[in-house]
């Protein structure tokens, strides 16, 4: 029965060729779709969906505008304008089309030539699209029609009904009934609208849109539209298409079914152009300008799921909650996304059999595009094994290995063999820290990625901390700041230490015995420090900048002053390291 109905409609179209009014309604607006052979019903992902398939309006996630000018042959010109505004899962569209033809000859009733005049045709369109589910969208467009033929003026109402089925991320099916209505009335006579029924398919491999429309008009023969678009890095789009109708290619030439075009992306603006030949009638040119402006509530969030080790994409289940409750499946490229998001926190959980689950929260700005790459870690267990050595002697030493990652803990390194073994660790990334058997060793840290059933060997060579140089004290006779022979021996040792450690800066601290009566102890302690400084400079070339002097009088005794031995230990100059 369905086949009989289709054959009936086709036969009806054959018998009624050229009997409908307002041929402007048959012309597809926009250079983008025109360049793709007028095959746009299954794609319709911009504001021109208002004319092609109003269900496509529900795909808008930005405020879009569209302006277009079409230059036909013999003085025909068409102008298009449309606006698209997304609001949640709904989108609203407004458009207007104006066509004018100048230089139309007027003949009198007596078949005598008169003056020339211009005809004007146009319509206003209001559209609405709604995303009922992720896979099913529908829309409607209402049109107010006007036609001024000078001798007659016609008005009417019409509309389009459209459906769009999104089967995954890469394939769409569109259905639309166009120009549905009672017709256009000229005076007392009513003429039917050029009704059409279209089936559109769209395949969307990476960077390409491949489209095909089958058109079944009620006033003409069925025809097929094919097209392709190649988007090059969102900078340039190359387009081509072929139409088997509604023009008669047997008379125009089959090459005149071709169409070509380009699109140039300039930020939020796209400039489009299309070229369509019509044989001896001439060539036509279409120019268009599209803008897409993000609005609050138009946020786009994209997630890509990959294997943490191989970096290859994974098909995983992504559960969203927070500002949007939804479950998505990442595609073969590991991608999933949410559109038309308001600002707020979005929680996500990513699960895949054989992998550790992943949970995170992202603050959505509610405008523009945000991206997140999730690295899933495969389930399994492995082992980290190794030895700890003294870096200087290359001999095994003990210590402690601390690990953090999918699990955490400590392991005591065997003191005799220097070995450690971390068994049955869940696979993933681990941070290791190794400390030696004493504080004289500098700890070491490293990262180790552990894979399924793998034994990773990681050895450590610990450095000993560099010991600070030890300077001798320089002793003086009672009441004197002269360097004795015994003091010179100690100073020579100190000078060599300073030469071997050129980065070291010291304070020379002068001290006195409180029994050194009748003497200015502050001045004497300062002179003792100055004497040491001068000796080291003159004999070893130690720069004055590396040596600061300070006298402390008898305020910092080293030993009690009750005995001569104690007093002799207090008459001294000490070295205090300021910088190493």
Protein backbone atom coordinates (compact mmCIF):
# COMPACT_ATOMS: atom_id res chain seq x y z
CA UNK A 1 0.00 0.00 0.00
CA UNK A 2 2.88 2.36 0.84
CA UNK A 3 4.48 1.70 -2.55
CA UNK A 4 1.19 2.45 -4.29
CA UNK A 5 0.89 5.73 -2.36
CA UNK A 6 4.41 6.78 -3.37
CA UNK A 7 3.73 5.91 -7.02
CA UNK A 8 0.51 7.91 -6.85
CA UNK A 9 2.32 10.98 -5.52
CA UNK A 10 5.03 10.64 -8.16
CA UNK A 11 2.49 10.37 -10.93
CA UNK A 12 0.65 13.35 -9.48
CA UNK A 13 3.86 15.34 -9.64
CA UNK A 14 4.46 14.35 -13.26
CA UNK A 15 1.00 15.52 -14.28
CA UNK A 16 1.12 18.84 -12.41
CA UNK A 17 4.51 20.21 -13.48
CA UNK A 18 4.56 24.01 -13.28
CA UNK A 19 1.08 24.40 -11.77
CA UNK A 20 2.05 25.81 -8.35
CA UNK A 21 2.55 29.41 -7.27
CA UNK A 22 5.52 31.21 -5.72
CA UNK A 23 8.50 29.37 -7.27
CA UNK A 24 10.66 31.35 -4.82
CA UNK A 25 9.68 28.74 -2.21
CA UNK A 26 11.50 26.07 -4.21
CA UNK A 27 14.84 27.88 -4.02
CA UNK A 28 17.11 26.88 -1.18
CA UNK A 29 18.71 29.86 0.57
CA UNK A 30 22.30 30.13 1.64
CA UNK A 31 25.52 29.58 -0.31
CA UNK A 32 26.65 26.80 2.03
CA UNK A 33 23.76 24.45 1.25
CA UNK A 34 23.68 25.51 -2.41
CA UNK A 35 27.36 24.63 -2.87
CA UNK A 36 26.58 21.18 -1.40
CA UNK A 37 24.01 20.49 -4.11
CA UNK A 38 21.04 21.65 -1.96
CA UNK A 39 21.44 18.56 0.20
CA UNK A 40 20.94 19.98 3.68
CA UNK A 41 17.89 18.35 5.26
CA UNK A 42 19.91 15.78 7.23
CA UNK A 43 22.64 18.25 8.29
CA UNK A 44 20.87 21.61 8.95
CA UNK A 45 23.26 22.63 11.74
CA UNK A 46 23.11 26.42 11.29
CA UNK A 47 20.40 29.07 11.29
CA UNK A 48 19.40 28.32 7.67
CA UNK A 49 17.69 25.23 9.10
CA UNK A 50 14.73 27.63 9.36
CA UNK A 51 14.29 27.14 5.59
CA UNK A 52 15.62 23.59 5.08
CA UNK A 53 14.39 21.62 8.10
CA UNK A 54 13.16 23.52 11.18
CA UNK A 55 14.05 20.56 13.43
CA UNK A 56 17.67 21.57 12.88
CA UNK A 57 17.08 24.80 14.80
CA UNK A 58 17.24 22.71 17.98
CA UNK A 59 20.92 22.04 17.22
CA UNK A 60 21.87 25.71 17.69
CA UNK A 61 23.92 26.51 20.78
CA UNK A 62 24.80 30.09 19.85
CA UNK A 63 22.93 33.17 18.71
CA UNK A 64 23.28 33.07 14.91
CA UNK A 65 22.58 35.57 12.17
CA UNK A 66 22.56 35.03 8.43
CA UNK A 67 22.61 37.44 5.47
CA UNK A 68 22.71 36.35 1.85
CA UNK A 69 22.51 37.83 -1.62
CA UNK A 70 21.88 35.77 -4.76
CA UNK A 71 22.58 37.11 -8.22
CA UNK A 72 20.59 35.29 -10.88
CA UNK A 73 20.48 35.74 -14.64
CA UNK A 74 18.19 38.25 -16.45
CA UNK A 75 18.07 40.67 -13.52
CA UNK A 76 16.74 38.28 -10.84
CA UNK A 77 18.00 39.03 -7.32
CA UNK A 78 17.19 37.40 -4.00
CA UNK A 79 17.96 38.67 -0.49
CA UNK A 80 17.80 36.58 2.69
CA UNK A 81 18.04 37.39 6.37
CA UNK A 82 17.50 35.14 9.37
CA UNK A 83 18.17 35.00 13.12
CA UNK A 84 18.39 32.00 15.44
CA UNK A 85 18.19 32.11 19.23
CA UNK A 86 18.68 28.99 21.41
CA UNK A 87 16.81 28.88 24.74
CA UNK A 88 17.47 25.68 26.68
CA UNK A 89 16.37 22.71 24.58
CA UNK A 90 14.34 25.02 22.33
CA UNK A 91 15.44 27.38 19.58
CA UNK A 92 13.54 30.15 17.86
CA UNK A 93 14.12 31.41 14.34
CA UNK A 94 13.04 34.44 12.32
CA UNK A 95 13.66 35.03 8.66
CA UNK A 96 12.67 37.13 5.69
CA UNK A 97 13.17 36.59 1.97
CA UNK A 98 12.79 39.22 -0.74
CA UNK A 99 13.06 38.68 -4.49
CA UNK A 100 12.84 41.30 -7.21
CA UNK A 101 12.92 41.12 -10.98
CA UNK A 102 13.40 44.33 -12.99
CA UNK A 103 12.70 44.97 -16.68
CA UNK A 104 9.65 42.73 -17.10
CA UNK A 105 7.88 43.68 -20.34
CA UNK A 106 4.23 44.65 -20.20
CA UNK A 107 1.92 43.90 -23.14
CA UNK A 108 -1.54 45.39 -23.52
CA UNK A 109 -4.71 43.43 -24.06
CA UNK A 110 -4.35 44.22 -27.75
CA UNK A 111 -0.92 42.59 -27.76
CA UNK A 112 0.95 45.87 -27.99
CA UNK A 113 4.17 46.39 -26.03
CA UNK A 114 3.97 48.73 -23.06
CA UNK A 115 6.46 49.90 -20.49
CA UNK A 116 8.53 47.62 -18.27
CA UNK A 117 7.88 46.94 -14.61
CA UNK A 118 9.33 45.03 -11.67
CA UNK A 119 7.87 42.07 -9.83
CA UNK A 120 8.37 41.58 -6.11
CA UNK A 121 8.00 38.39 -4.11
CA UNK A 122 8.81 37.51 -0.54
CA UNK A 123 7.83 35.87 2.69
CA UNK A 124 8.41 36.11 6.42
CA UNK A 125 9.19 32.96 8.40
CA UNK A 126 8.90 32.15 12.10
CA UNK A 127 10.44 28.87 13.25
CA UNK A 128 10.68 26.73 16.37
CA UNK A 129 12.86 23.69 17.05
CA UNK A 130 12.88 21.43 20.11
CA UNK A 131 15.22 18.66 21.28
CA UNK A 132 12.79 16.08 22.63
CA UNK A 133 15.64 13.63 23.29
CA UNK A 134 19.29 13.54 22.36
CA UNK A 135 18.38 11.51 19.26
CA UNK A 136 15.02 13.03 18.27
CA UNK A 137 14.39 16.67 17.27
CA UNK A 138 11.38 18.27 15.64
CA UNK A 139 10.49 21.72 14.36
CA UNK A 140 7.94 23.87 12.60
CA UNK A 141 8.14 26.98 10.41
CA UNK A 142 5.19 29.29 9.62
CA UNK A 143 5.39 31.52 6.54
CA UNK A 144 3.48 34.61 5.53
CA UNK A 145 3.59 34.86 1.72
CA UNK A 146 3.35 37.86 -0.63
CA UNK A 147 3.58 38.13 -4.43
CA UNK A 148 3.24 41.35 -6.48
CA UNK A 149 2.92 40.69 -10.23
CA UNK A 150 1.63 44.26 -10.92
CA UNK A 151 -1.56 43.04 -12.54
CA UNK A 152 -2.29 40.73 -9.63
CA UNK A 153 -1.17 40.52 -6.03
CA UNK A 154 -1.24 37.33 -4.06
CA UNK A 155 -1.07 36.49 -0.35
CA UNK A 156 -1.12 33.26 1.55
CA UNK A 157 0.06 31.20 4.50
CA UNK A 158 2.23 28.12 4.52
CA UNK A 159 4.53 26.13 6.69
CA UNK A 160 7.14 23.40 7.08
CA UNK A 161 7.20 20.42 9.45
CA UNK A 162 10.52 18.72 10.11
CA UNK A 163 12.06 15.83 12.02
CA UNK A 164 15.70 15.03 12.68
CA UNK A 165 17.04 11.72 13.99
CA UNK A 166 20.62 11.70 15.31
CA UNK A 167 21.89 8.13 15.27
CA UNK A 168 25.07 8.50 17.28
CA UNK A 169 27.58 11.27 16.71
CA UNK A 170 28.21 10.64 13.02
CA UNK A 171 24.92 9.92 11.27
CA UNK A 172 21.67 11.91 10.89
CA UNK A 173 18.36 11.31 9.12
CA UNK A 174 16.09 14.24 8.32
CA UNK A 175 12.47 14.32 7.15
CA UNK A 176 10.58 17.45 6.19
CA UNK A 177 7.32 18.44 4.54
CA UNK A 178 7.77 21.86 2.94
CA UNK A 179 5.34 24.53 1.80
CA UNK A 180 2.31 22.90 3.38
CA UNK A 181 -0.81 25.06 3.14
CA UNK A 182 -3.96 25.97 1.27
CA UNK A 183 -2.21 28.02 -1.38
CA UNK A 184 -1.81 31.63 -2.54
CA UNK A 185 -4.82 33.68 -3.51
CA UNK A 186 -4.60 36.05 -6.51
CA UNK A 187 -7.85 37.97 -6.68
CA UNK A 188 -10.55 35.35 -6.61
CA UNK A 189 -8.31 32.50 -7.77
CA UNK A 190 -6.36 30.23 -5.45
CA UNK A 191 -3.14 28.53 -6.59
CA UNK A 192 -1.47 25.68 -4.72
CA UNK A 193 1.90 25.98 -3.01
CA UNK A 194 4.89 24.01 -4.36
CA UNK A 195 4.68 21.26 -1.74
CA UNK A 196 7.69 19.02 -1.30
CA UNK A 197 8.63 16.06 0.84
CA UNK A 198 12.31 15.53 1.51
CA UNK A 199 14.36 12.73 3.01
CA UNK A 200 17.90 13.71 3.97
CA UNK A 201 20.90 11.64 5.09
CA UNK A 202 24.10 13.01 6.60
CA UNK A 203 27.31 11.14 7.36
CA UNK A 204 29.82 13.07 9.49
CA UNK A 205 33.29 11.50 9.54
CA UNK A 206 36.06 13.61 11.02
CA UNK A 207 36.26 17.06 9.32
CA UNK A 208 33.72 16.07 6.64
CA UNK A 209 29.97 16.34 6.05
CA UNK A 210 28.60 14.02 3.34
CA UNK A 211 24.94 14.68 2.51
CA UNK A 212 22.21 13.28 0.29
CA UNK A 213 18.59 14.48 -0.14
CA UNK A 214 15.77 12.77 -1.99
CA UNK A 215 13.10 15.31 -2.98
CA UNK A 216 9.54 14.39 -3.89
CA UNK A 217 7.74 17.51 -5.19
CA UNK A 218 4.00 17.56 -5.99
CA UNK A 219 4.50 19.79 -9.03
CA UNK A 220 7.58 18.22 -10.60
CA UNK A 221 9.53 14.99 -10.94
CA UNK A 222 11.55 13.52 -8.01
CA UNK A 223 15.22 14.35 -7.88
CA UNK A 224 18.36 13.61 -5.89
CA UNK A 225 20.81 16.02 -4.29
CA UNK A 226 24.35 15.03 -3.26
CA UNK A 227 27.02 17.09 -1.54
CA UNK A 228 30.20 17.14 0.51
CA UNK A 229 31.92 19.65 2.79
CA UNK A 230 35.52 19.51 4.01
CA UNK A 231 36.34 21.66 7.04
CA UNK A 232 40.06 22.44 7.18
CA UNK A 233 41.04 23.32 10.77
CA UNK A 234 37.98 25.59 11.20
CA UNK A 235 39.68 28.06 8.89
CA UNK A 236 38.46 27.08 5.44
CA UNK A 237 35.61 24.90 4.15
CA UNK A 238 35.59 23.45 0.62
CA UNK A 239 32.21 22.34 -0.79
CA UNK A 240 30.86 20.63 -3.87
CA UNK A 241 27.57 19.04 -4.89
CA UNK A 242 25.40 17.64 -7.66
CA UNK A 243 21.65 17.99 -8.32
CA UNK A 244 19.57 15.90 -10.69
CA UNK A 245 16.71 18.42 -10.52
CA UNK A 246 14.44 20.31 -10.47
CA UNK A 247 16.11 21.84 -13.54
CA UNK A 248 16.04 19.77 -16.74
CA UNK A 249 19.62 18.56 -17.15
CA UNK A 250 18.85 16.92 -20.51
CA UNK A 251 18.46 20.38 -22.03
CA UNK A 252 20.94 22.31 -19.85
CA UNK A 253 23.62 19.63 -19.91
CA UNK A 254 24.49 17.20 -17.17
CA UNK A 255 27.56 19.21 -16.14
CA UNK A 256 25.16 21.95 -15.04
CA UNK A 257 24.04 19.82 -12.13
CA UNK A 258 27.33 20.61 -10.43
CA UNK A 259 27.82 23.28 -7.77
CA UNK A 260 30.86 24.54 -5.91
CA UNK A 261 31.64 26.83 -3.00
CA UNK A 262 33.90 27.85 -0.16
CA UNK A 263 33.54 29.16 3.37
CA UNK A 264 36.10 31.28 5.21
CA UNK A 265 35.97 31.30 9.03
CA UNK A 266 37.02 34.57 10.68
CA UNK A 267 36.46 34.06 14.38
CA UNK A 268 32.73 34.31 15.05
CA UNK A 269 32.04 35.20 11.39
CA UNK A 270 31.91 32.96 8.32
CA UNK A 271 31.91 34.27 4.76
CA UNK A 272 30.33 31.85 2.24
CA UNK A 273 30.22 31.72 -1.55
CA UNK A 274 28.56 29.36 -4.04
CA UNK A 275 28.72 29.04 -7.81
CA UNK A 276 26.02 27.24 -9.82
CA UNK A 277 25.96 27.03 -13.64
CA UNK A 278 22.69 26.93 -15.62
CA UNK A 279 23.94 26.25 -19.15
CA UNK A 280 22.88 28.82 -21.76
CA UNK A 281 20.85 30.70 -19.17
CA UNK A 282 24.04 31.78 -17.43
CA UNK A 283 25.82 31.32 -14.13
CA UNK A 284 24.57 32.23 -10.68
CA UNK A 285 26.47 33.43 -7.65
CA UNK A 286 25.48 33.37 -3.99
CA UNK A 287 27.19 35.31 -1.20
CA UNK A 288 26.50 34.87 2.47
CA UNK A 289 27.60 36.09 5.88
CA UNK A 290 26.98 34.04 9.01
CA UNK A 291 27.78 34.97 12.61
CA UNK A 292 27.65 32.79 15.72
CA UNK A 293 27.83 34.54 19.11
CA UNK A 294 27.94 32.50 22.34
CA UNK A 295 25.26 33.37 24.89
CA UNK A 296 24.96 32.62 28.60
CA UNK A 297 23.49 29.15 28.84
CA UNK A 298 25.22 28.10 25.62
CA UNK A 299 28.21 26.36 27.19
CA UNK A 300 29.73 23.41 25.37
CA UNK A 301 31.65 20.80 27.37
CA UNK A 302 33.71 18.17 25.55
CA UNK A 303 35.33 15.19 27.21
CA UNK A 304 37.85 12.80 25.66
CA UNK A 305 38.53 9.42 27.28
CA UNK A 306 41.88 7.72 26.63
CA UNK A 307 43.94 4.84 28.02
CA UNK A 308 46.40 6.28 30.53
CA UNK A 309 49.31 4.23 29.19
CA UNK A 310 48.72 3.90 25.43
CA UNK A 311 46.95 7.28 25.05
CA UNK A 312 44.47 5.60 22.68
CA UNK A 313 40.78 6.63 22.76
CA UNK A 314 38.31 4.50 24.73
CA UNK A 315 34.56 4.03 24.38
CA UNK A 316 33.34 4.51 27.94
CA UNK A 317 30.18 5.38 29.84
CA UNK A 318 30.12 8.99 31.05
CA UNK A 319 27.59 9.86 33.76
CA UNK A 320 26.95 13.59 34.22
CA UNK A 321 25.24 15.12 37.24
CA UNK A 322 25.00 18.53 38.84
CA UNK A 323 23.72 21.18 36.45
CA UNK A 324 22.84 18.44 33.91
CA UNK A 325 21.69 14.89 34.64
CA UNK A 326 22.59 12.78 31.63
CA UNK A 327 24.45 9.65 30.54
CA UNK A 328 26.57 9.59 27.38
CA UNK A 329 28.71 7.01 25.64
CA UNK A 330 32.00 8.22 24.24
CA UNK A 331 32.41 7.48 20.53
CA UNK A 332 35.21 5.63 18.75
CA UNK A 333 37.40 8.69 19.13
CA UNK A 334 36.76 8.66 22.88
CA UNK A 335 34.66 11.84 22.66
CA UNK A 336 31.41 12.83 24.33
CA UNK A 337 29.92 16.26 24.87
CA UNK A 338 27.09 18.29 26.39
CA UNK A 339 25.58 21.39 24.78
CA UNK A 340 23.57 24.37 25.99
CA UNK A 341 24.96 24.34 29.52
CA UNK A 342 24.38 27.04 32.12
CA UNK A 343 27.13 28.05 34.51
CA UNK A 344 27.65 25.87 37.57
CA UNK A 345 29.33 22.69 38.76
CA UNK A 346 29.16 19.63 36.54
CA UNK A 347 30.05 16.29 38.11
CA UNK A 348 31.15 13.41 35.95
CA UNK A 349 31.89 9.75 36.45
CA UNK A 350 33.62 7.70 33.76
CA UNK A 351 33.43 3.91 33.81
CA UNK A 352 34.76 1.18 31.55
CA UNK A 353 35.02 -2.56 32.14
CA UNK A 354 38.60 -3.46 33.02
CA UNK A 355 39.51 0.07 34.17
CA UNK A 356 39.49 1.97 37.42
CA UNK A 357 36.53 4.39 37.56
CA UNK A 358 37.22 8.12 37.29
CA UNK A 359 35.33 10.90 39.08
CA UNK A 360 35.78 14.64 38.83
CA UNK A 361 33.99 17.99 39.02
CA UNK A 362 34.27 20.85 36.54
CA UNK A 363 32.95 24.39 36.86
CA UNK A 364 31.13 25.25 33.64
CA UNK A 365 31.36 28.88 32.55
CA UNK A 366 28.05 28.67 30.68
CA UNK A 367 29.51 30.34 27.59
CA UNK A 368 32.05 29.11 25.06
CA UNK A 369 33.74 25.72 24.85
CA UNK A 370 35.56 23.78 27.59
CA UNK A 371 37.54 20.56 27.15
CA UNK A 372 38.71 17.79 29.48
CA UNK A 373 40.86 14.73 28.76
CA UNK A 374 40.31 11.78 31.10
CA UNK A 375 42.99 9.08 31.37
CA UNK A 376 41.57 5.75 32.57
CA UNK A 377 43.92 3.31 34.32
CA UNK A 378 43.56 -0.37 33.50
CA UNK A 379 42.76 -2.78 36.31
CA UNK A 380 45.51 -5.18 37.35
CA UNK A 381 48.50 -5.58 39.67
CA UNK A 382 52.24 -5.32 39.35
CA UNK A 383 55.49 -5.21 41.33
CA UNK A 384 58.22 -2.63 41.88
CA UNK A 385 61.61 -4.09 42.87
CA UNK A 386 65.05 -2.58 43.30
CA UNK A 387 68.13 -1.91 45.43
CA UNK A 388 69.43 1.07 47.43
CA UNK A 389 73.16 1.94 47.30
CA UNK A 390 75.56 4.45 48.74
CA UNK A 391 76.43 6.58 45.70
CA UNK A 392 80.09 6.92 46.74
CA UNK A 393 80.97 3.40 47.84
CA UNK A 394 78.40 1.64 45.59
CA UNK A 395 77.62 -0.66 48.51
CA UNK A 396 74.06 -1.68 49.50
CA UNK A 397 72.54 0.25 52.39
CA UNK A 398 69.29 0.07 54.32
CA UNK A 399 66.55 2.65 54.50
CA UNK A 400 62.79 3.16 53.94
CA UNK A 401 60.81 3.25 50.66
CA UNK A 402 57.54 5.23 50.80
CA UNK A 403 55.07 4.85 47.90
CA UNK A 404 51.86 6.76 47.05
CA UNK A 405 49.46 6.29 44.14
CA UNK A 406 46.69 3.76 43.61
CA UNK A 407 47.73 2.49 47.03
CA UNK A 408 50.25 3.78 49.57
CA UNK A 409 52.58 2.50 52.29
CA UNK A 410 56.15 2.07 53.54
CA UNK A 411 58.71 -0.69 53.09
CA UNK A 412 61.91 -1.23 55.11
CA UNK A 413 64.91 -1.83 52.87
CA UNK A 414 66.97 -4.90 53.81
CA UNK A 415 70.10 -3.60 55.57
CA UNK A 416 72.42 -6.38 54.28
CA UNK A 417 71.30 -6.68 50.66
CA UNK A 418 69.79 -3.19 50.14
CA UNK A 419 66.77 -4.73 48.38
CA UNK A 420 63.09 -3.82 48.51
CA UNK A 421 60.03 -5.41 46.84
CA UNK A 422 56.59 -3.75 46.57
CA UNK A 423 54.19 -6.55 45.58
CA UNK A 424 50.56 -6.65 44.38
CA UNK A 425 50.25 -2.95 43.64
CA UNK A 426 47.22 -1.85 41.57
CA UNK A 427 48.53 -0.64 38.24
CA UNK A 428 48.93 3.08 37.73
CA UNK A 429 51.24 5.95 38.53
CA UNK A 430 53.25 5.88 41.78
CA UNK A 431 55.49 8.38 43.53
CA UNK A 432 58.44 6.76 45.36
CA UNK A 433 60.57 8.37 48.06
CA UNK A 434 63.66 6.61 49.43
CA UNK A 435 65.39 7.63 52.66
CA UNK A 436 68.76 6.25 53.74
CA UNK A 437 69.62 4.60 57.07
CA UNK A 438 70.55 7.98 58.61
CA UNK A 439 69.94 11.69 58.15
CA UNK A 440 73.37 11.95 56.49
CA UNK A 441 71.77 10.70 53.28
CA UNK A 442 69.73 12.96 50.99
CA UNK A 443 66.30 11.42 50.13
CA UNK A 444 65.47 10.69 46.49
CA UNK A 445 62.08 10.81 44.72
CA UNK A 446 60.86 9.48 41.40
CA UNK A 447 57.69 8.50 39.49
CA UNK A 448 57.02 4.97 38.27
CA UNK A 449 54.15 3.90 36.00
CA UNK A 450 53.14 0.32 36.72
CA UNK A 451 51.30 -1.71 34.09
CA UNK A 452 49.40 -4.99 34.18
CA UNK A 453 51.45 -7.98 35.43
CA UNK A 454 54.67 -5.97 35.12
CA UNK A 455 57.74 -6.03 37.34
CA UNK A 456 59.46 -2.64 37.29
CA UNK A 457 63.06 -2.44 38.49
CA UNK A 458 64.10 0.84 40.10
CA UNK A 459 67.46 1.23 41.86
CA UNK A 460 68.52 4.22 43.95
CA UNK A 461 71.99 5.67 44.65
CA UNK A 462 71.78 7.97 47.65
CA UNK A 463 74.16 10.89 48.11
CA UNK A 464 75.60 11.74 51.50
CA UNK A 465 75.05 15.24 52.75
CA UNK A 466 78.14 17.39 52.46
CA UNK A 467 79.61 18.03 55.95
CA UNK A 468 80.27 21.64 56.93
CA UNK A 469 83.99 22.51 57.28
CA UNK A 470 85.27 22.72 60.86
CA UNK A 471 87.52 25.66 61.63
CA UNK A 472 90.02 25.74 64.54
CA UNK A 473 89.87 28.49 67.15
CA UNK A 474 92.79 30.98 67.25
CA UNK A 475 94.17 31.72 70.75
CA UNK A 476 95.99 34.83 72.06
CA UNK A 477 98.19 35.86 75.00
CA UNK A 478 96.81 38.04 77.75
CA UNK A 479 96.18 41.61 76.58
CA UNK A 480 97.59 40.92 73.08
CA UNK A 481 96.20 40.83 69.52
CA UNK A 482 99.40 39.55 67.92
CA UNK A 483 99.39 36.23 66.02
CA UNK A 484 101.66 33.74 67.77
CA UNK A 485 103.54 30.94 65.98
CA UNK A 486 101.14 28.41 67.45
CA UNK A 487 98.19 30.52 66.24
CA UNK A 488 99.73 30.75 62.77
CA UNK A 489 99.68 26.96 62.49
CA UNK A 490 95.93 26.94 63.24
CA UNK A 491 95.33 29.88 60.88
CA UNK A 492 97.10 28.08 58.04
CA UNK A 493 94.67 25.23 58.48
CA UNK A 494 91.74 27.65 58.42
CA UNK A 495 93.10 29.36 55.30
CA UNK A 496 93.29 26.06 53.42
CA UNK A 497 89.68 25.26 54.39
CA UNK A 498 88.54 28.63 53.00
CA UNK A 499 90.47 28.03 49.76
CA UNK A 500 88.86 24.60 49.32
CA UNK A 501 85.41 26.02 49.97
CA UNK A 502 85.25 29.28 47.98
CA UNK A 503 81.49 29.55 48.51
CA UNK A 504 81.82 29.80 52.29
CA UNK A 505 81.52 33.17 54.05
CA UNK A 506 82.48 33.48 57.73
CA UNK A 507 82.23 35.78 60.70
CA UNK A 508 85.49 36.20 62.71
CA UNK A 509 84.29 36.49 66.29
CA UNK A 510 86.80 38.07 68.69
CA UNK A 511 86.64 37.24 72.44
CA UNK A 512 88.45 38.22 75.68
CA UNK A 513 89.08 36.90 79.18
CA UNK A 514 87.30 39.00 81.78
CA UNK A 515 90.46 38.96 83.93
CA UNK A 516 92.27 41.09 81.33
CA UNK A 517 91.78 44.15 83.55
CA UNK A 518 92.69 47.73 82.72
CA UNK A 519 92.03 47.12 78.99
CA UNK A 520 89.11 48.07 76.73
CA UNK A 521 87.88 44.51 76.10
CA UNK A 522 85.53 45.52 73.25
CA UNK A 523 88.38 47.16 71.38
CA UNK A 524 90.77 44.26 72.10
CA UNK A 525 88.30 41.60 70.87
CA UNK A 526 87.76 43.62 67.68
CA UNK A 527 91.52 43.97 67.10
CA UNK A 528 92.03 40.21 67.51
CA UNK A 529 89.39 39.53 64.82
CA UNK A 530 90.94 42.17 62.52
CA UNK A 531 94.37 40.55 62.95
CA UNK A 532 93.02 37.16 61.84
CA UNK A 533 91.28 38.76 58.85
CA UNK A 534 94.48 40.52 57.76
CA UNK A 535 96.57 37.35 58.08
CA UNK A 536 94.18 35.27 55.95
CA UNK A 537 94.02 37.95 53.31
CA UNK A 538 97.73 38.51 53.05
CA UNK A 539 98.82 34.86 53.11
CA UNK A 540 95.93 33.08 51.35
CA UNK A 541 94.31 35.88 49.36
CA UNK A 542 90.93 35.40 51.03
CA UNK A 543 88.85 38.44 50.05
CA UNK A 544 87.64 40.77 52.74
CA UNK A 545 84.06 40.34 51.38
CA UNK A 546 84.08 36.72 52.60
CA UNK A 547 85.11 37.68 56.14
CA UNK A 548 83.12 39.78 58.58
CA UNK A 549 84.67 40.78 61.94
CA UNK A 550 82.88 41.28 65.22
CA UNK A 551 84.20 41.80 68.74
CA UNK A 552 82.25 40.39 71.68
CA UNK A 553 84.55 41.40 74.57
CA UNK A 554 84.06 38.94 77.47
CA UNK A 555 80.32 38.35 76.83
CA UNK A 556 80.66 34.85 75.32
CA UNK A 557 83.19 32.84 77.41
CA UNK A 558 83.98 29.31 76.34
CA UNK A 559 85.21 28.13 79.76
CA UNK A 560 85.07 29.34 83.41
CA UNK A 561 87.63 32.05 84.24
CA UNK A 562 88.63 30.68 87.68
CA UNK A 563 91.68 28.87 86.26
CA UNK A 564 94.41 29.92 83.88
CA UNK A 565 93.44 27.08 81.51
CA UNK A 566 89.86 28.35 81.31
CA UNK A 567 91.01 31.95 80.82
CA UNK A 568 93.36 30.94 77.97
CA UNK A 569 90.46 29.25 76.14
CA UNK A 570 88.45 32.48 76.33
CA UNK A 571 91.17 34.64 74.66
CA UNK A 572 90.31 33.54 71.15
CA UNK A 573 88.85 34.18 67.67
CA UNK A 574 86.16 31.74 66.41
CA UNK A 575 84.97 31.08 62.87
CA UNK A 576 81.18 31.14 62.37
CA UNK A 577 79.91 30.09 58.93
CA UNK A 578 77.47 32.64 57.49
CA UNK A 579 76.91 31.17 54.02
CA UNK A 580 77.91 27.89 52.45
